[in-house]
Amino acid sequence: MLLVAGIATVYLTGLHSYLSFEAFVSHSAAIEAFVQSHLVLAILTFMAIYIAVVALSLPGAAVMSITGGFLFGWAVRAPVTVIAATIGATIVFQAV
């Protein structure tokens, strides 16, 4: 029930529209500045959003994976994405 409520909330509020390349490009300067000044917080925030995207089965994980590569480089993005995707998949698996 919580999973369905989360998915409905994301779509009804329009939050899913921020999971696109267009949204990243329009906010890229602010995002890159945040990453440079707060690297650990940026990685943890990226992980939290990635977990939510996977757990709520939102279309955007591929966009986030590519965006993570631009922001953190492949050496950081790869393990962060694998860990976050695994946690998100475990959450949706347990919910279903």
N, C-alpha and C. Protein backbone atom coordinates (compact mmCIF):
# COMPACT_ATOMS: atom_id res chain seq x y z
N MET A 1 0.82 -1.20 0.00
CA MET A 1 0.00 0.00 0.00
C MET A 1 0.86 1.26 0.00
N LEU A 2 1.94 1.21 0.79
CA LEU A 2 2.85 2.35 0.87
C LEU A 2 3.54 2.59 -0.48
N LEU A 3 3.87 1.51 -1.17
CA LEU A 3 4.51 1.61 -2.48
C LEU A 3 3.58 2.31 -3.48
N VAL A 4 2.33 1.93 -3.51
CA VAL A 4 1.35 2.54 -4.41
C VAL A 4 1.15 4.01 -4.07
N ALA A 5 1.10 4.33 -2.79
CA ALA A 5 0.95 5.73 -2.37
C ALA A 5 2.16 6.56 -2.78
N GLY A 6 3.35 5.99 -2.67
CA GLY A 6 4.56 6.70 -3.08
C GLY A 6 4.58 6.97 -4.57
N ILE A 7 4.24 5.96 -5.35
CA ILE A 7 4.20 6.12 -6.81
C ILE A 7 3.17 7.18 -7.21
N ALA A 8 2.00 7.11 -6.62
CA ALA A 8 0.94 8.08 -6.92
C ALA A 8 1.38 9.49 -6.55
N THR A 9 2.01 9.65 -5.41
CA THR A 9 2.48 10.96 -4.97
C THR A 9 3.48 11.55 -5.95
N VAL A 10 4.42 10.74 -6.40
CA VAL A 10 5.44 11.23 -7.34
C VAL A 10 4.80 11.69 -8.64
N TYR A 11 3.86 10.92 -9.16
CA TYR A 11 3.24 11.28 -10.44
C TYR A 11 2.26 12.44 -10.30
N LEU A 12 1.51 12.48 -9.22
CA LEU A 12 0.53 13.55 -9.04
C LEU A 12 1.19 14.90 -8.76
N THR A 13 2.34 14.90 -8.11
CA THR A 13 3.04 16.16 -7.82
C THR A 13 3.96 16.59 -8.96
N GLY A 14 4.18 15.72 -9.92
CA GLY A 14 5.03 16.07 -11.05
C GLY A 14 6.51 15.91 -10.79
N LEU A 15 6.89 15.27 -9.71
CA LEU A 15 8.30 15.08 -9.40
C LEU A 15 9.03 14.24 -10.43
N HIS A 16 8.31 13.37 -11.13
CA HIS A 16 8.95 12.51 -12.13
C HIS A 16 9.52 13.32 -13.30
N SER A 17 9.03 14.53 -13.50
CA SER A 17 9.53 15.35 -14.61
C SER A 17 10.96 15.84 -14.37
N TYR A 18 11.43 15.75 -13.13
CA TYR A 18 12.80 16.16 -12.83
C TYR A 18 13.81 15.06 -13.13
N LEU A 19 13.37 13.89 -13.53
CA LEU A 19 14.26 12.78 -13.85
C LEU A 19 14.48 12.69 -15.35
N SER A 20 15.00 13.77 -15.92
CA SER A 20 15.25 13.80 -17.36
C SER A 20 16.55 14.54 -17.64
N PHE A 21 17.08 14.35 -18.84
CA PHE A 21 18.29 15.06 -19.23
C PHE A 21 18.02 16.56 -19.32
N GLU A 22 16.82 16.95 -19.74
CA GLU A 22 16.49 18.36 -19.87
C GLU A 22 16.55 19.05 -18.51
N ALA A 23 16.03 18.38 -17.48
CA ALA A 23 16.08 18.94 -16.13
C ALA A 23 17.51 19.05 -15.64
N PHE A 24 18.32 18.04 -15.94
CA PHE A 24 19.73 18.08 -15.54
C PHE A 24 20.47 19.23 -16.22
N VAL A 25 20.26 19.38 -17.52
CA VAL A 25 20.95 20.44 -18.26
C VAL A 25 20.54 21.82 -17.75
N SER A 26 19.25 22.00 -17.47
CA SER A 26 18.80 23.32 -17.02
C SER A 26 19.29 23.67 -15.62
N HIS A 27 19.63 22.66 -14.82
CA HIS A 27 20.12 22.90 -13.46
C HIS A 27 21.58 22.47 -13.27
N SER A 28 22.28 22.20 -14.36
CA SER A 28 23.62 21.60 -14.26
C SER A 28 24.62 22.47 -13.51
N ALA A 29 24.60 23.76 -13.69
CA ALA A 29 25.56 24.63 -13.01
C ALA A 29 25.38 24.56 -11.49
N ALA A 30 24.14 24.61 -11.05
CA ALA A 30 23.87 24.55 -9.61
C ALA A 30 24.22 23.17 -9.05
N ILE A 31 23.91 22.13 -9.80
CA ILE A 31 24.20 20.77 -9.35
C ILE A 31 25.71 20.55 -9.26
N GLU A 32 26.45 20.96 -10.27
CA GLU A 32 27.90 20.79 -10.27
C GLU A 32 28.56 21.59 -9.15
N ALA A 33 28.06 22.79 -8.87
CA ALA A 33 28.60 23.59 -7.77
C ALA A 33 28.36 22.90 -6.43
N PHE A 34 27.17 22.33 -6.28
CA PHE A 34 26.85 21.61 -5.04
C PHE A 34 27.76 20.39 -4.87
N VAL A 35 27.98 19.65 -5.96
CA VAL A 35 28.84 18.47 -5.91
C VAL A 35 30.26 18.86 -5.53
N GLN A 36 30.77 19.93 -6.10
CA GLN A 36 32.14 20.35 -5.81
C GLN A 36 32.31 20.82 -4.37
N SER A 37 31.31 21.45 -3.82
CA SER A 37 31.45 21.98 -2.46
C SER A 37 31.01 20.99 -1.38
N HIS A 38 30.19 20.01 -1.72
CA HIS A 38 29.67 19.05 -0.73
C HIS A 38 29.66 17.64 -1.34
N LEU A 39 30.82 17.09 -1.60
CA LEU A 39 30.90 15.82 -2.33
C LEU A 39 30.20 14.67 -1.60
N VAL A 40 30.47 14.49 -0.33
CA VAL A 40 29.87 13.37 0.40
C VAL A 40 28.36 13.52 0.48
N LEU A 41 27.89 14.72 0.79
CA LEU A 41 26.45 14.95 0.84
C LEU A 41 25.81 14.75 -0.53
N ALA A 42 26.50 15.15 -1.59
CA ALA A 42 25.98 14.97 -2.95
C ALA A 42 25.86 13.49 -3.28
N ILE A 43 26.86 12.70 -2.89
CA ILE A 43 26.80 11.26 -3.16
C ILE A 43 25.67 10.62 -2.38
N LEU A 44 25.52 10.99 -1.11
CA LEU A 44 24.43 10.43 -0.30
C LEU A 44 23.06 10.84 -0.83
N THR A 45 22.94 12.07 -1.29
CA THR A 45 21.68 12.54 -1.87
C THR A 45 21.38 11.79 -3.16
N PHE A 46 22.40 11.63 -4.00
CA PHE A 46 22.24 10.87 -5.25
C PHE A 46 21.78 9.45 -4.94
N MET A 47 22.40 8.83 -3.94
CA MET A 47 22.02 7.46 -3.57
C MET A 47 20.58 7.40 -3.09
N ALA A 48 20.17 8.36 -2.26
CA ALA A 48 18.81 8.37 -1.74
C ALA A 48 17.78 8.52 -2.86
N ILE A 49 18.07 9.40 -3.80
CA ILE A 49 17.15 9.59 -4.93
C ILE A 49 17.14 8.35 -5.81
N TYR A 50 18.31 7.77 -6.05
CA TYR A 50 18.39 6.56 -6.87
C TYR A 50 17.61 5.41 -6.22
N ILE A 51 17.76 5.26 -4.92
CA ILE A 51 17.02 4.22 -4.19
C ILE A 51 15.52 4.44 -4.36
N ALA A 52 15.07 5.68 -4.21
CA ALA A 52 13.64 5.99 -4.36
C ALA A 52 13.15 5.71 -5.77
N VAL A 53 13.94 6.07 -6.77
CA VAL A 53 13.55 5.83 -8.16
C VAL A 53 13.38 4.34 -8.43
N VAL A 54 14.32 3.55 -7.96
CA VAL A 54 14.23 2.10 -8.19
C VAL A 54 13.11 1.49 -7.35
N ALA A 55 13.01 1.89 -6.08
CA ALA A 55 11.99 1.32 -5.20
C ALA A 55 10.58 1.65 -5.66
N LEU A 56 10.40 2.83 -6.24
CA LEU A 56 9.08 3.23 -6.73
C LEU A 56 8.86 2.86 -8.19
N SER A 57 9.83 2.19 -8.79
CA SER A 57 9.76 1.75 -10.19
C SER A 57 9.48 2.91 -11.15
N LEU A 58 10.14 4.03 -10.92
CA LEU A 58 9.97 5.20 -11.78
C LEU A 58 10.91 5.09 -12.97
N PRO A 59 10.48 5.59 -14.12
CA PRO A 59 11.39 5.60 -15.26
C PRO A 59 12.40 6.73 -15.07
N GLY A 60 13.62 6.41 -14.84
CA GLY A 60 14.62 7.45 -14.62
C GLY A 60 15.94 6.90 -14.13
N ALA A 61 16.00 5.61 -13.85
CA ALA A 61 17.24 5.04 -13.34
C ALA A 61 18.37 5.13 -14.37
N ALA A 62 18.05 4.93 -15.63
CA ALA A 62 19.08 5.03 -16.68
C ALA A 62 19.60 6.46 -16.79
N VAL A 63 18.70 7.41 -16.73
CA VAL A 63 19.09 8.83 -16.79
C VAL A 63 19.97 9.15 -15.58
N MET A 64 19.59 8.65 -14.43
CA MET A 64 20.37 8.92 -13.22
C MET A 64 21.75 8.27 -13.29
N SER A 65 21.85 7.08 -13.85
CA SER A 65 23.14 6.42 -13.97
C SER A 65 24.09 7.23 -14.84
N ILE A 66 23.60 7.72 -15.95
CA ILE A 66 24.42 8.52 -16.85
C ILE A 66 24.78 9.86 -16.20
N THR A 67 23.82 10.48 -15.56
CA THR A 67 24.05 11.74 -14.87
C THR A 67 25.07 11.57 -13.76
N GLY A 68 24.99 10.48 -13.02
CA GLY A 68 25.96 10.20 -11.96
C GLY A 68 27.37 10.10 -12.51
N GLY A 69 27.51 9.55 -13.70
CA GLY A 69 28.82 9.48 -14.34
C GLY A 69 29.38 10.86 -14.66
N PHE A 70 28.51 11.77 -15.11
CA PHE A 70 28.96 13.13 -15.39
C PHE A 70 29.35 13.86 -14.11
N LEU A 71 28.61 13.62 -13.05
CA LEU A 71 28.85 14.35 -11.80
C LEU A 71 30.03 13.82 -11.00
N PHE A 72 30.15 12.50 -10.91
CA PHE A 72 31.13 11.91 -10.00
C PHE A 72 32.25 11.15 -10.70
N GLY A 73 32.12 10.91 -12.00
CA GLY A 73 33.08 10.07 -12.70
C GLY A 73 32.70 8.62 -12.53
N TRP A 74 33.21 7.78 -13.42
CA TRP A 74 32.77 6.38 -13.42
C TRP A 74 33.25 5.61 -12.20
N ALA A 75 34.41 5.96 -11.65
CA ALA A 75 34.96 5.21 -10.51
C ALA A 75 34.10 5.36 -9.25
N VAL A 76 33.47 6.50 -9.09
CA VAL A 76 32.58 6.71 -7.95
C VAL A 76 31.17 6.26 -8.31
N ARG A 77 30.74 6.61 -9.51
CA ARG A 77 29.36 6.33 -9.92
C ARG A 77 29.05 4.84 -9.95
N ALA A 78 29.96 4.04 -10.40
CA ALA A 78 29.69 2.60 -10.55
C ALA A 78 29.32 1.93 -9.22
N PRO A 79 30.15 2.01 -8.18
CA PRO A 79 29.76 1.35 -6.93
C PRO A 79 28.56 2.01 -6.26
N VAL A 80 28.45 3.33 -6.35
CA VAL A 80 27.32 4.03 -5.74
C VAL A 80 26.02 3.59 -6.41
N THR A 81 26.02 3.49 -7.73
CA THR A 81 24.82 3.09 -8.46
C THR A 81 24.45 1.63 -8.16
N VAL A 82 25.43 0.76 -8.11
CA VAL A 82 25.16 -0.65 -7.82
C VAL A 82 24.57 -0.81 -6.43
N ILE A 83 25.15 -0.13 -5.45
CA ILE A 83 24.65 -0.23 -4.08
C ILE A 83 23.23 0.34 -3.98
N ALA A 84 23.02 1.53 -4.55
CA ALA A 84 21.70 2.16 -4.49
C ALA A 84 20.65 1.33 -5.24
N ALA A 85 21.00 0.80 -6.40
CA ALA A 85 20.05 -0.01 -7.16
C ALA A 85 19.70 -1.29 -6.41
N THR A 86 20.68 -1.88 -5.75
CA THR A 86 20.42 -3.09 -4.98
C THR A 86 19.50 -2.81 -3.81
N ILE A 87 19.74 -1.72 -3.10
CA ILE A 87 18.87 -1.35 -1.97
C ILE A 87 17.46 -1.07 -2.47
N GLY A 88 17.33 -0.29 -3.56
CA GLY A 88 16.01 0.01 -4.10
C GLY A 88 15.27 -1.22 -4.57
N ALA A 89 15.99 -2.14 -5.23
CA ALA A 89 15.36 -3.38 -5.70
C ALA A 89 14.94 -4.25 -4.52
N THR A 90 15.73 -4.25 -3.47
CA THR A 90 15.37 -5.03 -2.28
C THR A 90 14.12 -4.46 -1.64
N ILE A 91 14.01 -3.14 -1.59
CA ILE A 91 12.81 -2.51 -1.02
C ILE A 91 11.57 -2.87 -1.83
N VAL A 92 11.64 -2.75 -3.15
CA VAL A 92 10.46 -3.06 -3.96
C VAL A 92 10.15 -4.56 -3.91
N PHE A 93 11.17 -5.40 -3.84
CA PHE A 93 10.95 -6.83 -3.72
C PHE A 93 10.24 -7.16 -2.42
N GLN A 94 10.68 -6.57 -1.34
CA GLN A 94 10.05 -6.83 -0.04
C GLN A 94 8.62 -6.28 0.01
N ALA A 95 8.40 -5.15 -0.66
CA ALA A 95 7.05 -4.55 -0.66
C ALA A 95 6.07 -5.40 -1.45
N VAL A 96 6.54 -5.98 -2.54
CA VAL A 96 5.67 -6.78 -3.37
C VAL A 96 5.53 -8.15 -2.79
